[in-house]
Protein backbone atom coordinates (compact mmCIF):
# COMPACT_ATOMS: atom_id res chain seq x y z
CA MET A 1 23.09 36.98 28.81
CA PHE A 2 19.84 35.76 30.31
CA VAL A 3 16.32 36.75 29.21
CA LYS A 4 13.69 37.03 31.85
CA LEU A 5 10.43 35.43 30.72
CA LYS A 6 7.24 37.44 31.21
CA TYR A 7 5.22 34.28 31.97
CA LYS A 8 6.10 31.24 33.95
CA ILE A 9 6.11 27.87 32.14
CA ASN A 10 3.65 25.40 33.60
CA PRO A 11 5.59 22.23 34.26
CA LEU A 12 2.55 20.10 33.34
CA TRP A 13 2.54 21.68 29.87
CA LEU A 14 6.28 20.97 29.56
CA ILE A 15 5.70 17.30 30.48
CA LEU A 16 2.94 17.09 27.86
CA VAL A 17 5.12 18.54 25.13
CA LEU A 18 7.93 16.15 26.01
CA GLN A 19 5.52 13.19 25.90
CA ILE A 20 4.31 14.20 22.42
CA PHE A 21 7.85 14.54 21.08
CA SER A 22 8.89 11.26 22.58
CA SER A 23 5.80 9.44 21.36
CA ASP A 24 5.65 6.61 18.87
CA ILE A 25 4.82 9.04 16.06
CA LEU A 26 8.35 10.43 16.08
CA TYR A 27 9.80 6.95 16.16
CA SER A 28 7.80 5.65 13.23
CA LYS A 29 7.81 6.46 9.52
CA TRP A 30 6.73 5.60 6.05
CA GLU A 31 9.17 4.82 3.29
CA GLU A 32 8.76 4.27 -0.46
CA GLY A 33 9.11 0.58 -1.54
CA ILE A 34 9.87 -1.11 -4.84
CA PRO A 35 6.73 -0.62 -7.00
CA LEU A 36 4.61 -3.54 -8.21
CA PRO A 37 5.48 -4.71 -11.74
CA LYS A 38 1.91 -3.81 -12.78
CA ALA A 39 -0.57 -1.32 -11.26
CA LYS A 40 -3.37 -3.30 -9.55
CA SER A 41 -6.11 -2.94 -6.97
CA GLY A 42 -8.00 -5.64 -5.12
CA THR A 43 -4.96 -7.87 -4.61
CA VAL A 44 -4.52 -10.05 -1.54
CA ALA A 45 -1.15 -10.73 0.16
CA THR A 46 0.47 -13.16 2.54
CA THR A 47 3.99 -14.21 3.48
CA ILE A 48 6.05 -17.37 3.39
CA ASP A 49 9.41 -16.99 5.07
CA ASP A 50 10.61 -13.52 4.15
CA ASN A 51 8.77 -13.39 0.82
CA ILE A 52 5.48 -11.49 0.14
CA TYR A 53 3.06 -13.20 -2.19
CA VAL A 54 0.67 -10.80 -3.91
CA LEU A 55 -2.17 -12.54 -5.75
CA GLY A 56 -4.79 -11.49 -8.28
CA GLY A 57 -6.17 -8.02 -8.53
CA LYS A 58 -7.60 -5.72 -11.15
CA GLY A 59 -5.68 -3.58 -13.63
CA ILE A 60 -7.21 -1.01 -15.98
CA ILE A 61 -7.76 -3.92 -18.40
CA GLY A 62 -9.77 -6.42 -16.38
CA THR A 63 -8.84 -9.04 -13.76
CA SER A 64 -5.22 -10.14 -13.61
CA PRO A 65 -4.40 -13.82 -13.04
CA LEU A 66 -0.74 -12.91 -12.64
CA SER A 67 0.82 -13.03 -9.20
CA GLU A 68 4.12 -11.84 -7.85
CA ILE A 69 6.56 -12.58 -5.04
CA TYR A 70 8.56 -9.86 -3.33
CA ASP A 71 11.92 -11.06 -2.16
CA PHE A 72 12.54 -9.09 1.03
CA LYS A 73 16.26 -9.75 1.11
CA GLY A 74 16.90 -9.25 -2.56
CA LYS A 75 14.41 -6.37 -2.79
CA ILE A 76 12.98 -7.57 -6.14
CA TRP A 77 9.65 -8.65 -7.55
CA ARG A 78 9.41 -11.87 -9.51
CA PRO A 79 6.37 -13.79 -11.01
CA ILE A 80 4.96 -17.02 -9.56
CA SER A 81 2.95 -19.77 -11.14
CA ILE A 82 -0.19 -18.26 -12.78
CA PHE A 83 -3.35 -18.86 -10.81
CA PRO A 84 -5.63 -21.14 -12.91
CA LYS A 85 -8.78 -19.02 -12.54
CA GLU A 86 -9.51 -15.34 -13.27
CA ILE A 87 -11.40 -14.39 -10.13
CA GLN A 88 -11.58 -11.41 -7.86
CA GLY A 89 -12.81 -10.84 -4.29
CA PHE A 90 -11.13 -14.03 -2.99
CA ARG A 91 -9.18 -14.27 0.23
CA VAL A 92 -6.07 -16.14 1.36
CA ILE A 93 -4.22 -17.36 4.45
CA LYS A 94 -0.79 -18.98 4.79
CA PHE A 95 -0.05 -22.26 6.58
CA ALA A 96 3.40 -23.94 6.57
CA ASN A 97 4.76 -23.42 3.04
CA GLN A 98 1.30 -23.28 1.41
CA ILE A 99 -1.30 -20.65 0.58
CA PHE A 100 -4.96 -21.45 1.00
CA LEU A 101 -7.30 -19.44 -1.25
CA CYS A 102 -11.09 -19.43 -1.07
CA GLY A 103 -14.12 -17.83 -2.65
CA GLY A 104 -14.38 -14.86 -5.04
CA PHE A 105 -16.33 -13.84 -8.12
CA ASP A 106 -15.45 -15.60 -11.43
CA GLY A 107 -17.14 -13.07 -13.70
CA GLU A 108 -20.47 -14.83 -13.67
CA ASN A 109 -21.01 -16.27 -10.16
CA ILE A 110 -19.82 -16.04 -6.61
CA THR A 111 -17.84 -19.25 -6.05
CA ASN A 112 -17.23 -21.66 -3.19
CA SER A 113 -14.08 -23.05 -4.76
CA CYS A 114 -10.79 -23.28 -2.81
CA TRP A 115 -7.22 -23.73 -4.02
CA ILE A 116 -3.88 -24.50 -2.48
CA TYR A 117 -0.54 -23.16 -3.71
CA ASP A 118 2.47 -25.23 -2.73
CA ASP A 119 5.59 -23.05 -2.57
CA THR A 120 7.94 -26.06 -2.73
CA LEU A 121 6.31 -27.51 -5.86
CA SER A 122 5.34 -24.02 -7.32
CA ASN A 123 1.93 -25.24 -8.36
CA TRP A 124 -1.78 -24.84 -7.59
CA SER A 125 -4.20 -27.66 -6.76
CA GLU A 126 -7.94 -27.55 -6.17
CA ALA A 127 -9.01 -28.18 -2.54
CA GLU A 128 -12.32 -29.13 -0.98
CA PRO A 129 -14.83 -26.34 -1.59
CA MET A 130 -16.45 -24.21 1.06
CA PRO A 131 -19.97 -25.22 2.16
CA PHE A 132 -21.27 -21.89 0.86
CA ALA A 133 -20.13 -19.46 -1.92
CA ARG A 134 -18.64 -16.16 -0.65
CA SER A 135 -16.81 -13.12 -2.03
CA GLU A 136 -15.40 -9.98 -0.33
CA HIS A 137 -15.48 -11.96 2.90
CA VAL A 138 -13.42 -12.11 6.08
CA MET A 139 -10.87 -14.95 6.16
CA VAL A 140 -8.59 -15.35 9.15
CA LYS A 141 -6.40 -18.18 10.49
CA ILE A 142 -6.15 -18.69 14.24
CA ASP A 143 -3.97 -21.61 15.32
CA ASN A 144 -4.96 -24.51 13.05
CA GLU A 145 -8.40 -23.22 12.14
CA VAL A 146 -9.46 -21.01 9.25
CA PHE A 147 -12.60 -18.90 9.81
CA ILE A 148 -14.75 -17.38 7.03
CA LEU A 149 -17.38 -14.77 7.92
CA GLY A 150 -19.55 -12.21 6.21
CA GLY A 151 -19.00 -10.93 2.65
CA VAL A 152 -21.53 -11.42 -0.08
CA GLY A 153 -22.94 -14.76 -1.26
CA GLU A 154 -24.83 -17.67 0.28
CA ASN A 155 -26.09 -18.16 3.88
CA LEU A 156 -24.57 -15.02 5.31
CA ASN A 157 -25.93 -15.95 8.69
CA MET A 158 -23.49 -18.83 8.82
CA MET A 159 -19.78 -18.86 9.74
CA MET A 160 -17.59 -21.48 8.08
CA SER A 161 -14.43 -22.96 9.54
CA TYR A 162 -11.79 -25.25 8.05
CA ASN A 163 -9.51 -27.41 10.16
CA LEU A 164 -6.05 -27.49 8.64
CA LEU A 165 -5.19 -30.76 10.35
CA SER A 166 -8.21 -32.83 9.43
CA ARG A 167 -8.79 -30.87 6.17
CA LYS A 168 -12.55 -30.73 6.92
CA TRP A 169 -15.09 -27.95 6.77
CA SER A 170 -17.77 -27.23 9.35
CA HIS A 171 -20.26 -24.39 9.78
CA ASN A 172 -22.52 -22.92 12.45
CA SER A 173 -24.63 -19.90 13.16
CA LEU A 174 -22.79 -16.58 13.04
CA ASN A 175 -24.65 -15.33 16.18
CA PHE A 176 -24.47 -11.86 14.77
CA ASN A 177 -26.88 -9.79 12.70
CA LYS A 178 -25.38 -9.43 9.17
CA LEU A 179 -21.71 -8.40 9.02
CA PRO A 180 -20.74 -5.77 6.46
CA TYR A 181 -18.69 -6.69 3.41
CA SER A 182 -15.42 -5.22 2.09
CA SER A 183 -14.31 -4.71 5.71
CA GLY A 184 -10.73 -4.33 6.85
CA PHE A 185 -9.80 -7.39 8.90
CA ASN A 186 -7.01 -9.42 10.43
CA SER A 187 -6.19 -11.49 13.49
CA PHE A 188 -5.72 -9.46 16.66
CA ASN A 189 -4.62 -11.16 19.90
CA LYS A 190 -6.01 -14.54 18.65
CA LYS A 191 -9.35 -12.86 17.86
CA ILE A 192 -10.84 -11.85 14.52
CA ALA A 193 -10.87 -8.07 14.17
CA ILE A 194 -13.31 -6.48 11.67
CA VAL A 195 -13.13 -2.73 10.96
CA GLY A 196 -15.71 -0.79 8.94
CA GLY A 197 -17.11 -2.16 5.67
CA ILE A 198 -20.25 -1.69 3.64
CA ASP A 199 -23.62 -2.32 5.25
CA ILE A 200 -25.62 -4.76 3.13
CA SER A 201 -28.99 -3.12 3.91
CA SER A 202 -28.10 0.56 3.39
CA ASN A 203 -25.07 0.14 1.08
CA MET A 204 -23.29 2.75 3.23
CA THR A 205 -19.83 2.55 4.81
CA THR A 206 -19.72 1.94 8.57
CA ASN A 207 -17.28 2.76 11.42
CA THR A 208 -18.06 -0.38 13.45
CA PHE A 209 -15.13 -2.17 15.13
CA LEU A 210 -15.86 -5.76 16.20
CA THR A 211 -13.82 -8.68 17.49
CA TYR A 212 -14.83 -12.28 17.55
CA ASN A 213 -13.29 -14.82 19.93
CA PRO A 214 -13.65 -18.30 18.31
CA LYS A 215 -12.78 -20.17 21.48
CA LEU A 216 -15.53 -18.52 23.48
CA ASN A 217 -17.87 -17.99 20.50
CA GLU A 218 -18.06 -14.37 21.71
CA TRP A 219 -18.59 -11.08 19.82
CA LYS A 220 -17.51 -7.77 21.27
CA LYS A 221 -18.17 -4.24 20.07
CA HIS A 222 -15.34 -1.80 20.67
CA LYS A 223 -14.95 1.95 20.39
CA GLU A 224 -15.94 2.92 16.87
CA TYR A 225 -13.31 3.67 14.26
CA PRO A 226 -12.89 7.48 13.80
CA LEU A 227 -14.10 7.31 10.17
CA ASN A 228 -16.74 5.52 8.10
CA ILE A 229 -14.60 3.38 5.79
CA SER A 230 -14.43 0.22 3.72
CA SER A 231 -11.58 -1.58 1.88
CA SER A 232 -8.87 -0.48 4.35
CA SER A 233 -5.76 -2.47 5.35
CA VAL A 234 -5.49 -3.82 8.88
CA GLN A 235 -2.46 -5.23 10.67
CA GLN A 236 -1.37 -6.00 14.26
CA ILE A 237 2.06 -4.55 15.00
CA GLY A 238 3.25 -5.40 18.48
CA LYS A 239 0.29 -4.88 20.81
CA LYS A 240 -1.54 -2.41 18.58
CA LEU A 241 -3.98 -2.84 15.74
CA HIS A 242 -3.21 -0.50 12.83
CA VAL A 243 -5.71 0.58 10.17
CA VAL A 244 -4.75 2.59 7.06
CA GLY A 245 -6.49 3.97 4.00
CA GLY A 246 -9.86 2.96 2.74
CA LYS A 247 -12.80 4.68 1.07
CA SER A 248 -16.24 6.04 1.84
CA LEU A 249 -19.45 6.10 -0.20
CA ASN A 250 -21.78 9.09 -0.53
CA PRO A 251 -19.63 11.13 -0.59
CA ASN A 252 -17.06 9.12 -2.51
CA LYS A 253 -13.70 9.71 -0.91
CA THR A 254 -10.30 7.95 -0.60
CA PHE A 255 -8.43 8.27 2.71
CA ASP A 256 -4.81 8.51 3.80
CA SER A 257 -5.88 8.04 7.43
CA HIS A 258 -3.84 5.88 9.78
CA PHE A 259 -4.98 5.03 13.36
CA SER A 260 -3.84 2.46 15.89
CA PHE A 261 -6.03 0.82 18.54
CA PHE A 262 -4.64 0.02 21.99
CA GLU A 263 -6.36 -0.35 25.37
CA GLY A 264 -9.70 0.82 24.06
CA VAL A 265 -8.47 4.01 22.33
CA TRP A 266 -7.91 4.89 18.68
CA GLU A 267 -4.79 7.12 18.23
CA PRO A 268 -3.83 9.00 15.02
CA ARG A 269 -0.56 7.89 13.39
CA ASN A 270 1.56 9.09 10.48
CA PRO A 271 -0.84 9.17 7.48
CA LEU A 272 -0.42 6.92 4.49
CA PRO A 273 1.68 8.90 1.96
CA THR A 274 -0.58 7.83 -0.97
CA PRO A 275 -4.31 7.81 -0.19
CA ARG A 276 -5.86 4.62 -1.56
CA HIS A 277 -8.26 1.74 -0.98
CA ASP A 278 -8.52 -1.96 -1.95
CA MET A 279 -4.85 -2.51 -1.37
CA SER A 280 -3.15 -5.54 0.16
CA SER A 281 -0.62 -5.53 2.93
CA ALA A 282 1.85 -7.85 4.71
CA LEU A 283 4.19 -7.68 7.70
CA VAL A 284 7.79 -8.80 7.32
CA LYS A 285 10.23 -8.38 10.26
CA GLY A 286 8.42 -5.32 11.58
CA ASN A 287 8.03 -3.75 8.12
CA TRP A 288 4.38 -3.26 7.12
CA PHE A 289 4.15 -3.29 3.30
CA VAL A 290 1.01 -1.60 1.87
CA ILE A 291 0.77 -2.69 -1.74
CA GLY A 292 -1.10 -1.36 -4.75
CA GLY A 293 -4.70 -0.33 -4.54
CA ALA A 294 -6.91 2.25 -6.24
CA ILE A 295 -6.47 6.00 -5.74
CA SER A 296 -9.83 7.34 -6.95
CA PRO A 297 -13.10 6.33 -5.24
CA GLY A 298 -16.37 5.24 -6.85
CA VAL A 299 -16.56 4.31 -10.51
CA PHE A 300 -13.25 6.10 -11.16
CA SER A 301 -11.44 3.44 -9.09
CA LEU A 302 -11.62 1.26 -12.21
CA PHE A 303 -9.23 3.66 -13.94
CA SER A 304 -6.90 4.43 -11.01
CA PRO A 305 -5.05 1.26 -9.95
CA THR A 306 -1.58 2.00 -8.65
CA ASP A 307 1.75 0.19 -8.40
CA VAL A 308 2.71 2.15 -5.29
CA VAL A 309 4.30 0.25 -2.37
CA GLU A 310 4.84 2.02 0.87
CA ILE A 311 6.43 0.59 4.04
CA TYR A 312 5.65 1.58 7.66
CA ARG A 313 8.14 0.93 10.44
CA GLU A 314 7.90 1.53 14.15
CA LYS A 315 11.22 2.13 15.91
């Protein structure tokens, strides 16, 4: 038996529907991961081999010097050598089998100290300090150079760089008018990508999306992020830059938003299952781990750290 349709189906609409249902959204998903041993926000993360190293952070009772490793194959968390300082707002990068940690706030002052964790020896050693003290800054490794920009602290009009081969610091003019702090950031096609953050002058969250090309010493403004956010997580997956979560100020709000940037366009993706900000993240074999964070915005974030770990995969 056949039913005669009253209206003809426009083939263009049919193509559009098929494109939507065959899009990346249907071939990507979030999954629940193994929770952190302790609920924390403000952690930082990096990877060595297939292990995720999650450092520092804040629990309900102050700053945590404890750090953990997530064994991707064994799917288990285990502790690593305790970091010798109780600081927050620091940043890290990985090189070879070592973790390079710089800056932060030690409870009294913003610091310029740097430390190196050797995974083979399982110990921390102090490294040459940065030229200027910074916290809540951008820290990105591109090839054999580490770049430190923005944040809060000293000489914010200067960019610092550290050569991993010569083990020497240098600095020069940022050539940009005051970067925000608490931005989401990562490397993106061998450039430094900076998304949102808190404007130092107005203390308001922004939706600015910038990239910096160190080789050309060139800044570029891109299409603005769809939301005003700070403290999001940013990761390049394939050719796209993904941004999840974050918070806004005035009004205070925590987001579950997830967008990807490709060829000049921001596209909505599957939202983060647990809205949060100030989380860390790491990519292992196409699995994007979003780790911990705070659920409530504003002053209530001090009382809402989470142990939640959620994993995003694109098929």
